[in-house]
Amino acid sequence: MSKMEDLGRMLSNYTNLAATKNDVLECIKVYKALAYRMEEYVFNDGTFKQLLNLQGTIPVRYKGNTYHIPICIWLLDSHPRYAPICYVKPTADMHIKVSMYVDHNGKIYLPYLHDWSAGQSDLLGLIQVMIVTFGDFPPVYAKPKGAPKDSPAATTTTPYPIQSFMPQAGATPAQSQFCPYPTQFPPYPQPGGAGYGGYGQPGAAGSSYPQPFMPPGMPSAAGYNTGYNPSAAQGTGTITEEHIKASLVSAVEDKLKWRIQEKVNQCQAEIQTLKRTQQELNEGQSKINDIIGRLERDEQELNKSIAVLRDKDQELERALESLEKVDGIDVDEAVTTTAPLYKQLLNAYAEEAAIEDAVYFMGEALRSGVIDLEVFLKHVRQLTRKQFMLRALMQKCRQKAGFTA
């Protein structure tokens, strides 16, 4: 079974099978590390449904290196009408980095998903937005070496070597892809030290679960930059008021920059939409003006025709009034011609019609035995020869008068 047939079979319960299949095939054609499968998805209310998902990794550039972030994209059976459900799927040696884009369960929140449009959004665009967003805000980070997997204490251990997690110079792609997430984190403070509650938020000494510190330029759990200074922290092992102040200032600055940029992009999109709308309205106005011009010309023609019809109506009324006043009508004078040519045509027509009647009645006389065959043929030859000449005369008169044949 081919890939398209297999995918079509899986999507048999989807309302937009063709659109969904094309979207998935275009996606896996570009991102070959993704694979589709049919699995059961459990919703928040406890219901479940068999849905298609795309699982695998996507390449993300962070500080000059390429990392492979594991994701899972669930397509609803109404795809692409509604946005898919997306998750970060950390492996056993990863932790989820909570931010404004990823919650503690790994669920992904993006403006692209919020503004999903069936006619304009697709999986390729979604993954490209993920790649750009995760390049600025990595969604996972590595557990320290030697820490038990899936243990809370894994985030409270002392420093670990960064180099062991980074791609080695000259390594092959297969050797450099074993770590698909950023790991360049500075050391944590020692347990029991002052401020051991997470950088940027002083906590009680000896706290068991500090918030892991992220490098400058990456968001903290609330989506902010911590503003941490590694050289100052390593010298004392404590967080001073200057560090907290710098963290807050940096966090507010990053938040404002992000919101301003988002607002600028939104305004630019609205301006482009308004420009397109203005262009469409101008084109519509031109079409409306053309239609109005044609209607005005048609109205003038109609007014002229109405005036002519009124004149003709009045003329007919006058003719009827004059006819009502006449006691009798002379048939010979009822039809008068306005030119000699028309009179000649009328006379020829009348004479030709009379010959037609004469031939008819002679035929009746022959059948009745009133005349014999020799007399009939003699007079018919004379009449038909004259009828031919009359018809030729009428044809010539019609041509001279400009009548149709």
Protein backbone atom coordinates (compact mmCIF):
# COMPACT_ATOMS: atom_id res chain seq x y z
CA MET A 1 0.00 0.00 0.00
CA SER A 2 1.44 3.41 -0.95
CA LYS A 3 1.94 6.23 1.51
CA MET A 4 -0.99 8.23 0.09
CA GLU A 5 -3.33 5.22 0.25
CA ASP A 6 -2.25 4.42 3.81
CA LEU A 7 -2.76 8.04 4.89
CA GLY A 8 -6.15 8.18 3.12
CA ARG A 9 -7.25 5.07 5.01
CA MET A 10 -6.25 6.62 8.33
CA LEU A 11 -8.12 9.84 7.54
CA SER A 12 -11.34 8.11 6.49
CA ASN A 13 -13.26 9.66 9.43
CA TYR A 14 -11.99 13.21 8.71
CA THR A 15 -14.47 15.68 7.23
CA ASN A 16 -11.90 17.36 4.94
CA LEU A 17 -9.93 14.31 3.85
CA ALA A 18 -8.27 15.77 0.74
CA ALA A 19 -7.17 19.03 2.40
CA THR A 20 -5.85 17.21 5.49
CA LYS A 21 -3.95 14.63 3.44
CA ASN A 22 -2.30 17.29 1.27
CA ASP A 23 -1.36 19.30 4.36
CA VAL A 24 0.28 16.28 6.05
CA LEU A 25 2.12 15.13 2.92
CA GLU A 26 3.52 18.63 2.24
CA CYS A 27 4.69 18.80 5.88
CA ILE A 28 6.51 15.44 6.00
CA LYS A 29 8.02 16.12 2.59
CA VAL A 30 9.87 19.13 4.05
CA TYR A 31 10.41 17.85 7.62
CA LYS A 32 11.44 14.24 7.11
CA ALA A 33 12.03 13.67 10.85
CA LEU A 34 8.25 13.81 11.39
CA ALA A 35 6.08 10.70 11.00
CA TYR A 36 2.31 10.32 11.15
CA ARG A 37 0.32 7.72 13.05
CA MET A 38 -3.24 7.11 14.22
CA GLU A 39 -3.64 7.06 18.01
CA GLU A 40 -6.22 7.69 20.70
CA TYR A 41 -6.38 11.22 22.08
CA VAL A 42 -8.00 11.84 25.48
CA PHE A 43 -9.65 15.25 25.93
CA ASN A 44 -9.89 17.20 29.19
CA ASP A 45 -13.46 16.02 29.80
CA GLY A 46 -12.40 12.37 29.66
CA THR A 47 -13.70 11.66 26.18
CA PHE A 48 -11.35 10.14 23.63
CA LYS A 49 -11.15 9.91 19.87
CA GLN A 50 -8.89 8.32 17.26
CA LEU A 51 -6.89 11.19 15.76
CA LEU A 52 -3.90 11.49 13.45
CA ASN A 53 -0.74 12.95 14.95
CA LEU A 54 2.68 13.98 13.66
CA GLN A 55 5.58 13.02 15.95
CA GLY A 56 9.27 13.65 15.60
CA THR A 57 11.75 16.48 15.83
CA ILE A 58 12.09 19.87 14.18
CA PRO A 59 15.42 21.69 13.68
CA VAL A 60 15.84 24.84 15.80
CA ARG A 61 18.79 27.25 15.60
CA TYR A 62 19.96 28.51 18.99
CA LYS A 63 23.18 30.50 19.47
CA GLY A 64 24.70 29.27 16.22
CA ASN A 65 23.91 25.57 16.74
CA THR A 66 21.07 23.42 15.43
CA TYR A 67 19.07 21.43 17.97
CA HIS A 68 16.25 18.97 17.34
CA ILE A 69 13.20 19.67 19.47
CA PRO A 70 10.74 16.75 19.89
CA ILE A 71 7.12 17.71 19.22
CA CYS A 72 3.74 16.09 18.69
CA ILE A 73 0.96 17.70 16.60
CA TRP A 74 -2.57 16.28 16.91
CA LEU A 75 -4.94 16.99 14.00
CA LEU A 76 -8.63 17.24 14.88
CA ASP A 77 -11.08 15.39 12.62
CA SER A 78 -12.29 18.81 11.40
CA HIS A 79 -8.79 19.84 10.21
CA PRO A 80 -7.99 22.34 8.71
CA ARG A 81 -11.10 24.16 9.94
CA TYR A 82 -9.80 24.23 13.51
CA ALA A 83 -6.22 24.57 14.78
CA PRO A 84 -4.31 21.42 15.77
CA ILE A 85 -3.27 20.62 19.37
CA CYS A 86 0.51 20.79 19.80
CA TYR A 87 2.84 19.50 22.52
CA VAL A 88 6.54 19.42 23.29
CA LYS A 89 7.45 15.76 23.99
CA PRO A 90 10.60 15.78 26.15
CA THR A 91 12.68 12.61 26.37
CA ALA A 92 13.82 11.08 29.64
CA ASP A 93 16.91 13.34 29.82
CA MET A 94 14.99 16.59 29.23
CA HIS A 95 12.96 19.02 31.29
CA ILE A 96 10.15 21.21 29.94
CA LYS A 97 11.01 24.92 30.11
CA VAL A 98 7.78 26.67 31.06
CA SER A 99 7.26 29.98 29.26
CA MET A 100 4.57 32.09 27.67
CA TYR A 101 4.57 29.59 24.80
CA VAL A 102 4.79 26.24 26.66
CA ASP A 103 3.03 25.20 29.87
CA HIS A 104 4.20 22.63 32.44
CA ASN A 105 2.43 19.83 30.53
CA GLY A 106 4.31 20.71 27.35
CA LYS A 107 1.28 22.13 25.56
CA ILE A 108 2.25 24.79 23.02
CA TYR A 109 0.54 28.19 22.82
CA LEU A 110 1.29 30.38 19.80
CA PRO A 111 -0.42 33.40 18.19
CA TYR A 112 -0.42 31.38 14.96
CA LEU A 113 -2.62 28.74 16.62
CA HIS A 114 -4.85 31.39 18.21
CA ASP A 115 -5.38 33.15 14.85
CA TRP A 116 -5.69 29.89 12.87
CA SER A 117 -7.58 30.35 9.60
CA ALA A 118 -8.68 27.42 7.45
CA GLY A 119 -7.89 29.20 4.21
CA GLN A 120 -4.52 30.71 5.20
CA SER A 121 -2.95 28.49 7.92
CA ASP A 122 -1.26 25.13 7.41
CA LEU A 123 1.16 22.74 9.13
CA LEU A 124 4.23 24.07 7.28
CA GLY A 125 3.52 27.60 8.49
CA LEU A 126 2.88 26.32 12.04
CA ILE A 127 6.21 24.48 12.20
CA GLN A 128 8.09 27.47 10.80
CA VAL A 129 6.57 29.66 13.53
CA MET A 130 7.61 27.02 16.13
CA ILE A 131 11.17 27.01 14.80
CA VAL A 132 11.44 30.81 15.02
CA THR A 133 9.78 30.98 18.46
CA PHE A 134 11.79 28.11 19.97
CA GLY A 135 14.97 29.69 18.61
CA ASP A 136 14.30 32.62 20.96
CA PHE A 137 12.56 30.70 23.75
CA PRO A 138 13.79 27.05 23.89
CA PRO A 139 10.99 24.83 25.28
CA VAL A 140 13.26 22.17 26.90
CA TYR A 141 16.63 21.91 28.61
CA ALA A 142 18.90 19.05 29.59
CA LYS A 143 18.96 17.33 32.95
CA PRO A 144 22.35 17.38 34.66
CA LYS A 145 24.59 14.38 34.19
CA GLY A 146 24.34 11.75 36.92
CA ALA A 147 20.92 12.89 38.14
CA PRO A 148 18.26 10.15 38.39
CA LYS A 149 15.82 10.35 35.51
CA ASP A 150 12.33 11.64 36.32
CA SER A 151 13.54 12.72 39.79
CA PRO A 152 12.70 16.18 41.24
CA ALA A 153 16.25 16.38 42.57
CA ALA A 154 17.52 16.42 39.00
CA THR A 155 17.03 20.20 38.89
CA THR A 156 18.81 20.89 42.20
CA THR A 157 22.21 19.36 41.55
CA THR A 158 25.46 21.25 41.36
CA PRO A 159 27.12 22.38 38.14
CA TYR A 160 27.65 19.99 35.25
CA PRO A 161 30.01 20.36 32.26
CA ILE A 162 28.42 22.17 29.38
CA GLN A 163 30.78 20.84 26.74
CA SER A 164 29.57 17.26 27.13
CA PHE A 165 26.14 18.30 25.83
CA MET A 166 27.28 20.43 22.91
CA PRO A 167 28.07 19.18 19.36
CA GLN A 168 31.77 18.52 19.03
CA ALA A 169 33.76 20.28 16.35
CA GLY A 170 34.13 18.10 13.29
CA ALA A 171 31.48 15.62 14.44
CA THR A 172 29.24 13.97 11.90
CA PRO A 173 25.55 14.94 11.78
CA ALA A 174 24.59 11.67 13.43
CA GLN A 175 27.09 12.32 16.27
CA SER A 176 26.02 15.91 16.73
CA GLN A 177 22.26 15.27 16.87
CA PHE A 178 22.17 13.20 20.06
CA CYS A 179 21.36 16.34 22.09
CA PRO A 180 18.27 17.97 20.49
CA TYR A 181 17.87 20.85 22.94
CA PRO A 182 19.85 23.75 24.42
CA THR A 183 22.01 22.98 27.45
CA GLN A 184 24.11 26.10 27.98
CA PHE A 185 22.94 26.88 31.51
CA PRO A 186 25.12 28.48 34.25
CA PRO A 187 25.66 26.65 37.55
CA TYR A 188 22.96 26.61 40.21
CA PRO A 189 23.74 28.01 43.71
CA GLN A 190 24.62 25.51 46.38
CA PRO A 191 21.83 24.25 48.64
CA GLY A 192 21.61 26.12 51.89
CA GLY A 193 23.06 29.34 50.45
CA ALA A 194 21.31 32.66 50.73
CA GLY A 195 18.72 33.20 48.02
CA TYR A 196 18.43 29.50 47.19
CA GLY A 197 14.91 29.81 45.90
CA GLY A 198 15.62 30.42 42.21
CA TYR A 199 17.43 33.28 40.53
CA GLY A 200 15.48 36.47 40.29
CA GLN A 201 13.16 35.46 43.18
CA PRO A 202 14.81 35.11 46.66
CA GLY A 203 13.61 32.06 48.58
CA ALA A 204 14.07 30.43 51.95
CA ALA A 205 17.42 28.84 52.66
CA GLY A 206 17.50 25.12 52.09
CA SER A 207 14.50 25.08 49.75
CA SER A 208 14.22 21.69 48.03
CA TYR A 209 13.00 22.76 44.57
CA PRO A 210 14.58 25.93 43.16
CA GLN A 211 13.61 27.20 39.73
CA PRO A 212 16.39 26.28 37.27
CA PHE A 213 18.18 29.30 35.86
CA MET A 214 18.05 29.96 32.11
CA PRO A 215 20.78 31.83 30.21
CA PRO A 216 20.39 35.55 29.41
CA GLY A 217 18.05 36.11 26.48
CA MET A 218 15.83 33.11 27.37
CA PRO A 219 12.54 33.47 29.26
CA SER A 220 12.12 32.34 32.85
CA ALA A 221 9.09 30.29 33.94
CA ALA A 222 6.85 33.34 33.57
CA GLY A 223 8.32 34.22 30.18
CA TYR A 224 10.80 36.87 31.33
CA ASN A 225 14.57 37.35 31.09
CA THR A 226 16.18 36.83 34.51
CA GLY A 227 19.01 39.29 33.90
CA TYR A 228 21.44 37.01 35.70
CA ASN A 229 25.16 37.94 35.79
CA PRO A 230 27.21 34.70 36.01
CA SER A 231 30.50 36.38 37.02
CA ALA A 232 28.91 38.17 39.98
CA ALA A 233 26.96 35.11 41.16
CA GLN A 234 29.95 32.81 41.01
CA GLY A 235 31.94 35.16 43.19
CA THR A 236 29.53 35.19 46.16
CA GLY A 237 26.99 32.44 45.52
CA THR A 238 24.20 34.87 46.49
CA ILE A 239 21.70 37.13 44.72
CA THR A 240 22.01 40.79 45.64
CA GLU A 241 19.47 43.58 45.26
CA GLU A 242 21.37 44.78 42.20
CA HIS A 243 20.81 41.39 40.56
CA ILE A 244 17.11 41.47 41.37
CA LYS A 245 16.82 45.04 40.09
CA ALA A 246 18.68 44.19 36.88
CA SER A 247 16.48 41.11 36.46
CA LEU A 248 13.28 43.14 36.84
CA VAL A 249 14.49 45.90 34.50
CA SER A 250 15.56 43.36 31.88
CA ALA A 251 12.30 41.45 32.23
CA VAL A 252 10.19 44.58 31.81
CA GLU A 253 12.32 45.73 28.87
CA ASP A 254 12.01 42.38 27.08
CA LYS A 255 8.30 42.24 27.76
CA LEU A 256 7.78 45.77 26.38
CA LYS A 257 9.91 45.06 23.30
CA TRP A 258 7.94 41.90 22.61
CA ARG A 259 4.57 43.61 23.04
CA ILE A 260 5.63 46.63 20.95
CA GLN A 261 6.84 44.37 18.16
CA GLU A 262 3.62 42.38 18.32
CA LYS A 263 1.59 45.60 18.18
CA VAL A 264 3.64 46.90 15.23
CA ASN A 265 3.14 43.65 13.32
CA GLN A 266 -0.57 43.74 14.06
CA CYS A 267 -0.85 47.36 12.89
CA GLN A 268 1.09 46.59 9.72
CA ALA A 269 -1.21 43.68 8.96
CA GLU A 270 -4.26 45.90 9.55
CA ILE A 271 -2.80 48.59 7.28
CA GLN A 272 -2.25 46.08 4.48
CA THR A 273 -5.81 44.82 4.92
CA LEU A 274 -7.17 48.37 4.79
CA LYS A 275 -5.13 49.12 1.66
CA ARG A 276 -6.51 46.05 -0.08
CA THR A 277 -10.01 47.02 1.03
CA GLN A 278 -9.50 50.57 -0.29
CA GLN A 279 -8.31 49.23 -3.64
CA GLU A 280 -11.32 46.92 -3.90
CA LEU A 281 -13.66 49.80 -2.99
CA ASN A 282 -12.08 52.05 -5.65
CA GLU A 283 -12.50 49.32 -8.26
CA GLY A 284 -16.10 48.82 -7.14
CA GLN A 285 -16.73 52.56 -7.36
CA SER A 286 -15.47 52.63 -10.96
CA LYS A 287 -17.74 49.73 -11.89
CA ILE A 288 -20.71 51.42 -10.21
CA ASN A 289 -20.01 54.68 -12.08
CA ASP A 290 -19.93 52.79 -15.39
CA ILE A 291 -23.24 51.09 -14.58
CA ILE A 292 -24.82 54.43 -13.60
CA GLY A 293 -23.62 55.98 -16.89
CA ARG A 294 -25.17 53.15 -18.92
CA LEU A 295 -28.41 53.43 -16.99
CA GLU A 296 -28.58 57.18 -17.62
CA ARG A 297 -28.05 56.63 -21.36
CA ASP A 298 -30.72 53.93 -21.40
CA GLU A 299 -33.07 56.26 -19.54
CA GLN A 300 -32.59 58.96 -22.17
CA GLU A 301 -33.30 56.48 -24.98
CA LEU A 302 -36.42 55.29 -23.19
CA ASN A 303 -37.67 58.84 -22.72
CA LYS A 304 -37.22 59.49 -26.45
CA SER A 305 -39.06 56.28 -27.35
CA ILE A 306 -41.89 57.16 -24.96
CA ALA A 307 -42.23 60.59 -26.58
CA VAL A 308 -42.39 59.02 -30.07
CA LEU A 309 -45.00 56.50 -28.93
CA ARG A 310 -47.12 59.27 -27.43
CA ASP A 311 -47.02 61.19 -30.72
CA LYS A 312 -48.04 58.07 -32.64
CA ASP A 313 -50.83 57.42 -30.17
CA GLN A 314 -52.19 60.91 -30.61
CA GLU A 315 -51.98 60.54 -34.40
CA LEU A 316 -53.94 57.29 -34.27
CA GLU A 317 -56.58 58.88 -32.07
CA ARG A 318 -57.00 61.72 -34.56
CA ALA A 319 -57.30 59.24 -37.45
CA LEU A 320 -59.96 57.25 -35.58
CA GLU A 321 -61.92 60.42 -34.86
CA SER A 322 -61.86 61.39 -38.57
CA LEU A 323 -62.99 57.90 -39.64
CA GLU A 324 -65.87 57.96 -37.19
CA LYS A 325 -67.16 61.16 -38.79
CA VAL A 326 -67.22 59.62 -42.35
CA ASP A 327 -70.50 57.95 -43.29
CA GLY A 328 -69.19 55.60 -46.01
CA ILE A 329 -65.80 54.58 -47.36
CA ASP A 330 -65.03 54.37 -51.10
CA VAL A 331 -62.92 51.26 -51.56
CA ASP A 332 -61.16 52.65 -54.63
CA GLU A 333 -60.20 55.81 -52.80
CA ALA A 334 -59.38 54.16 -49.49
CA VAL A 335 -55.86 53.33 -50.64
CA THR A 336 -53.89 56.16 -52.21
CA THR A 337 -50.24 56.21 -53.16
CA THR A 338 -47.78 59.01 -52.50
CA ALA A 339 -45.62 58.51 -55.61
CA PRO A 340 -46.04 57.24 -59.19
CA LEU A 341 -43.70 54.32 -58.53
CA TYR A 342 -45.84 53.15 -55.64
CA LYS A 343 -49.01 53.56 -57.78
CA GLN A 344 -47.51 51.47 -60.57
CA LEU A 345 -46.55 48.78 -58.04
CA LEU A 346 -50.04 48.78 -56.54
CA ASN A 347 -51.75 48.49 -59.95
CA ALA A 348 -49.45 45.65 -61.04
CA TYR A 349 -50.15 43.80 -57.84
CA ALA A 350 -53.92 44.21 -58.20
CA GLU A 351 -53.87 43.04 -61.84
CA GLU A 352 -51.66 40.05 -60.99
CA ALA A 353 -54.07 39.04 -58.23
CA ALA A 354 -57.00 39.32 -60.68
CA ILE A 355 -55.21 37.02 -63.18
CA GLU A 356 -54.65 34.52 -60.37
CA ASP A 357 -58.39 34.50 -59.68
CA ALA A 358 -59.22 34.21 -63.43
CA VAL A 359 -56.99 31.15 -63.85
CA TYR A 360 -58.65 29.56 -60.84
CA PHE A 361 -62.17 30.08 -62.13
CA MET A 362 -61.25 28.85 -65.66
CA GLY A 363 -60.01 25.65 -64.07
CA GLU A 364 -63.37 25.30 -62.31
CA ALA A 365 -65.18 25.92 -65.63
CA LEU A 366 -63.10 23.20 -67.33
CA ARG A 367 -63.99 20.69 -64.62
CA SER A 368 -67.66 21.64 -64.91
CA GLY A 369 -67.60 21.19 -68.69
CA VAL A 370 -68.54 24.79 -69.43
CA ILE A 371 -65.47 25.18 -71.67
CA ASP A 372 -63.42 22.63 -73.50
CA LEU A 373 -59.69 21.94 -73.03
CA GLU A 374 -58.53 23.81 -76.13
CA VAL A 375 -60.20 27.08 -75.03
CA PHE A 376 -58.85 26.60 -71.50
CA LEU A 377 -55.26 26.14 -72.64
CA LYS A 378 -55.41 29.07 -75.02
CA HIS A 379 -56.61 31.57 -72.39
CA VAL A 380 -54.38 30.17 -69.64
CA ARG A 381 -51.28 30.67 -71.82
CA GLN A 382 -52.26 34.29 -72.44
CA LEU A 383 -53.04 34.97 -68.78
CA THR A 384 -49.89 33.33 -67.38
CA ARG A 385 -47.67 35.18 -69.87
CA LYS A 386 -49.23 38.45 -68.72
CA GLN A 387 -48.91 37.37 -65.06
CA PHE A 388 -45.20 36.71 -65.56
CA MET A 389 -44.68 40.19 -66.99
CA LEU A 390 -46.61 41.75 -64.09
CA ARG A 391 -44.50 39.89 -61.53
CA ALA A 392 -41.31 41.01 -63.24
CA LEU A 393 -42.62 44.58 -63.19
CA MET A 394 -43.42 44.35 -59.45
CA GLN A 395 -39.93 42.99 -58.72
CA LYS A 396 -38.31 45.88 -60.57
CA CYS A 397 -40.54 48.44 -58.79
CA ARG A 398 -39.64 46.98 -55.37
CA GLN A 399 -35.95 47.24 -56.21
CA LYS A 400 -36.31 50.85 -57.27
CA ALA A 401 -38.30 51.66 -54.13
CA GLY A 402 -35.67 50.01 -51.90
CA PHE A 403 -38.02 47.33 -50.57
CA THR A 404 -36.81 43.90 -49.56
CA ALA A 405 -37.34 41.13 -52.11
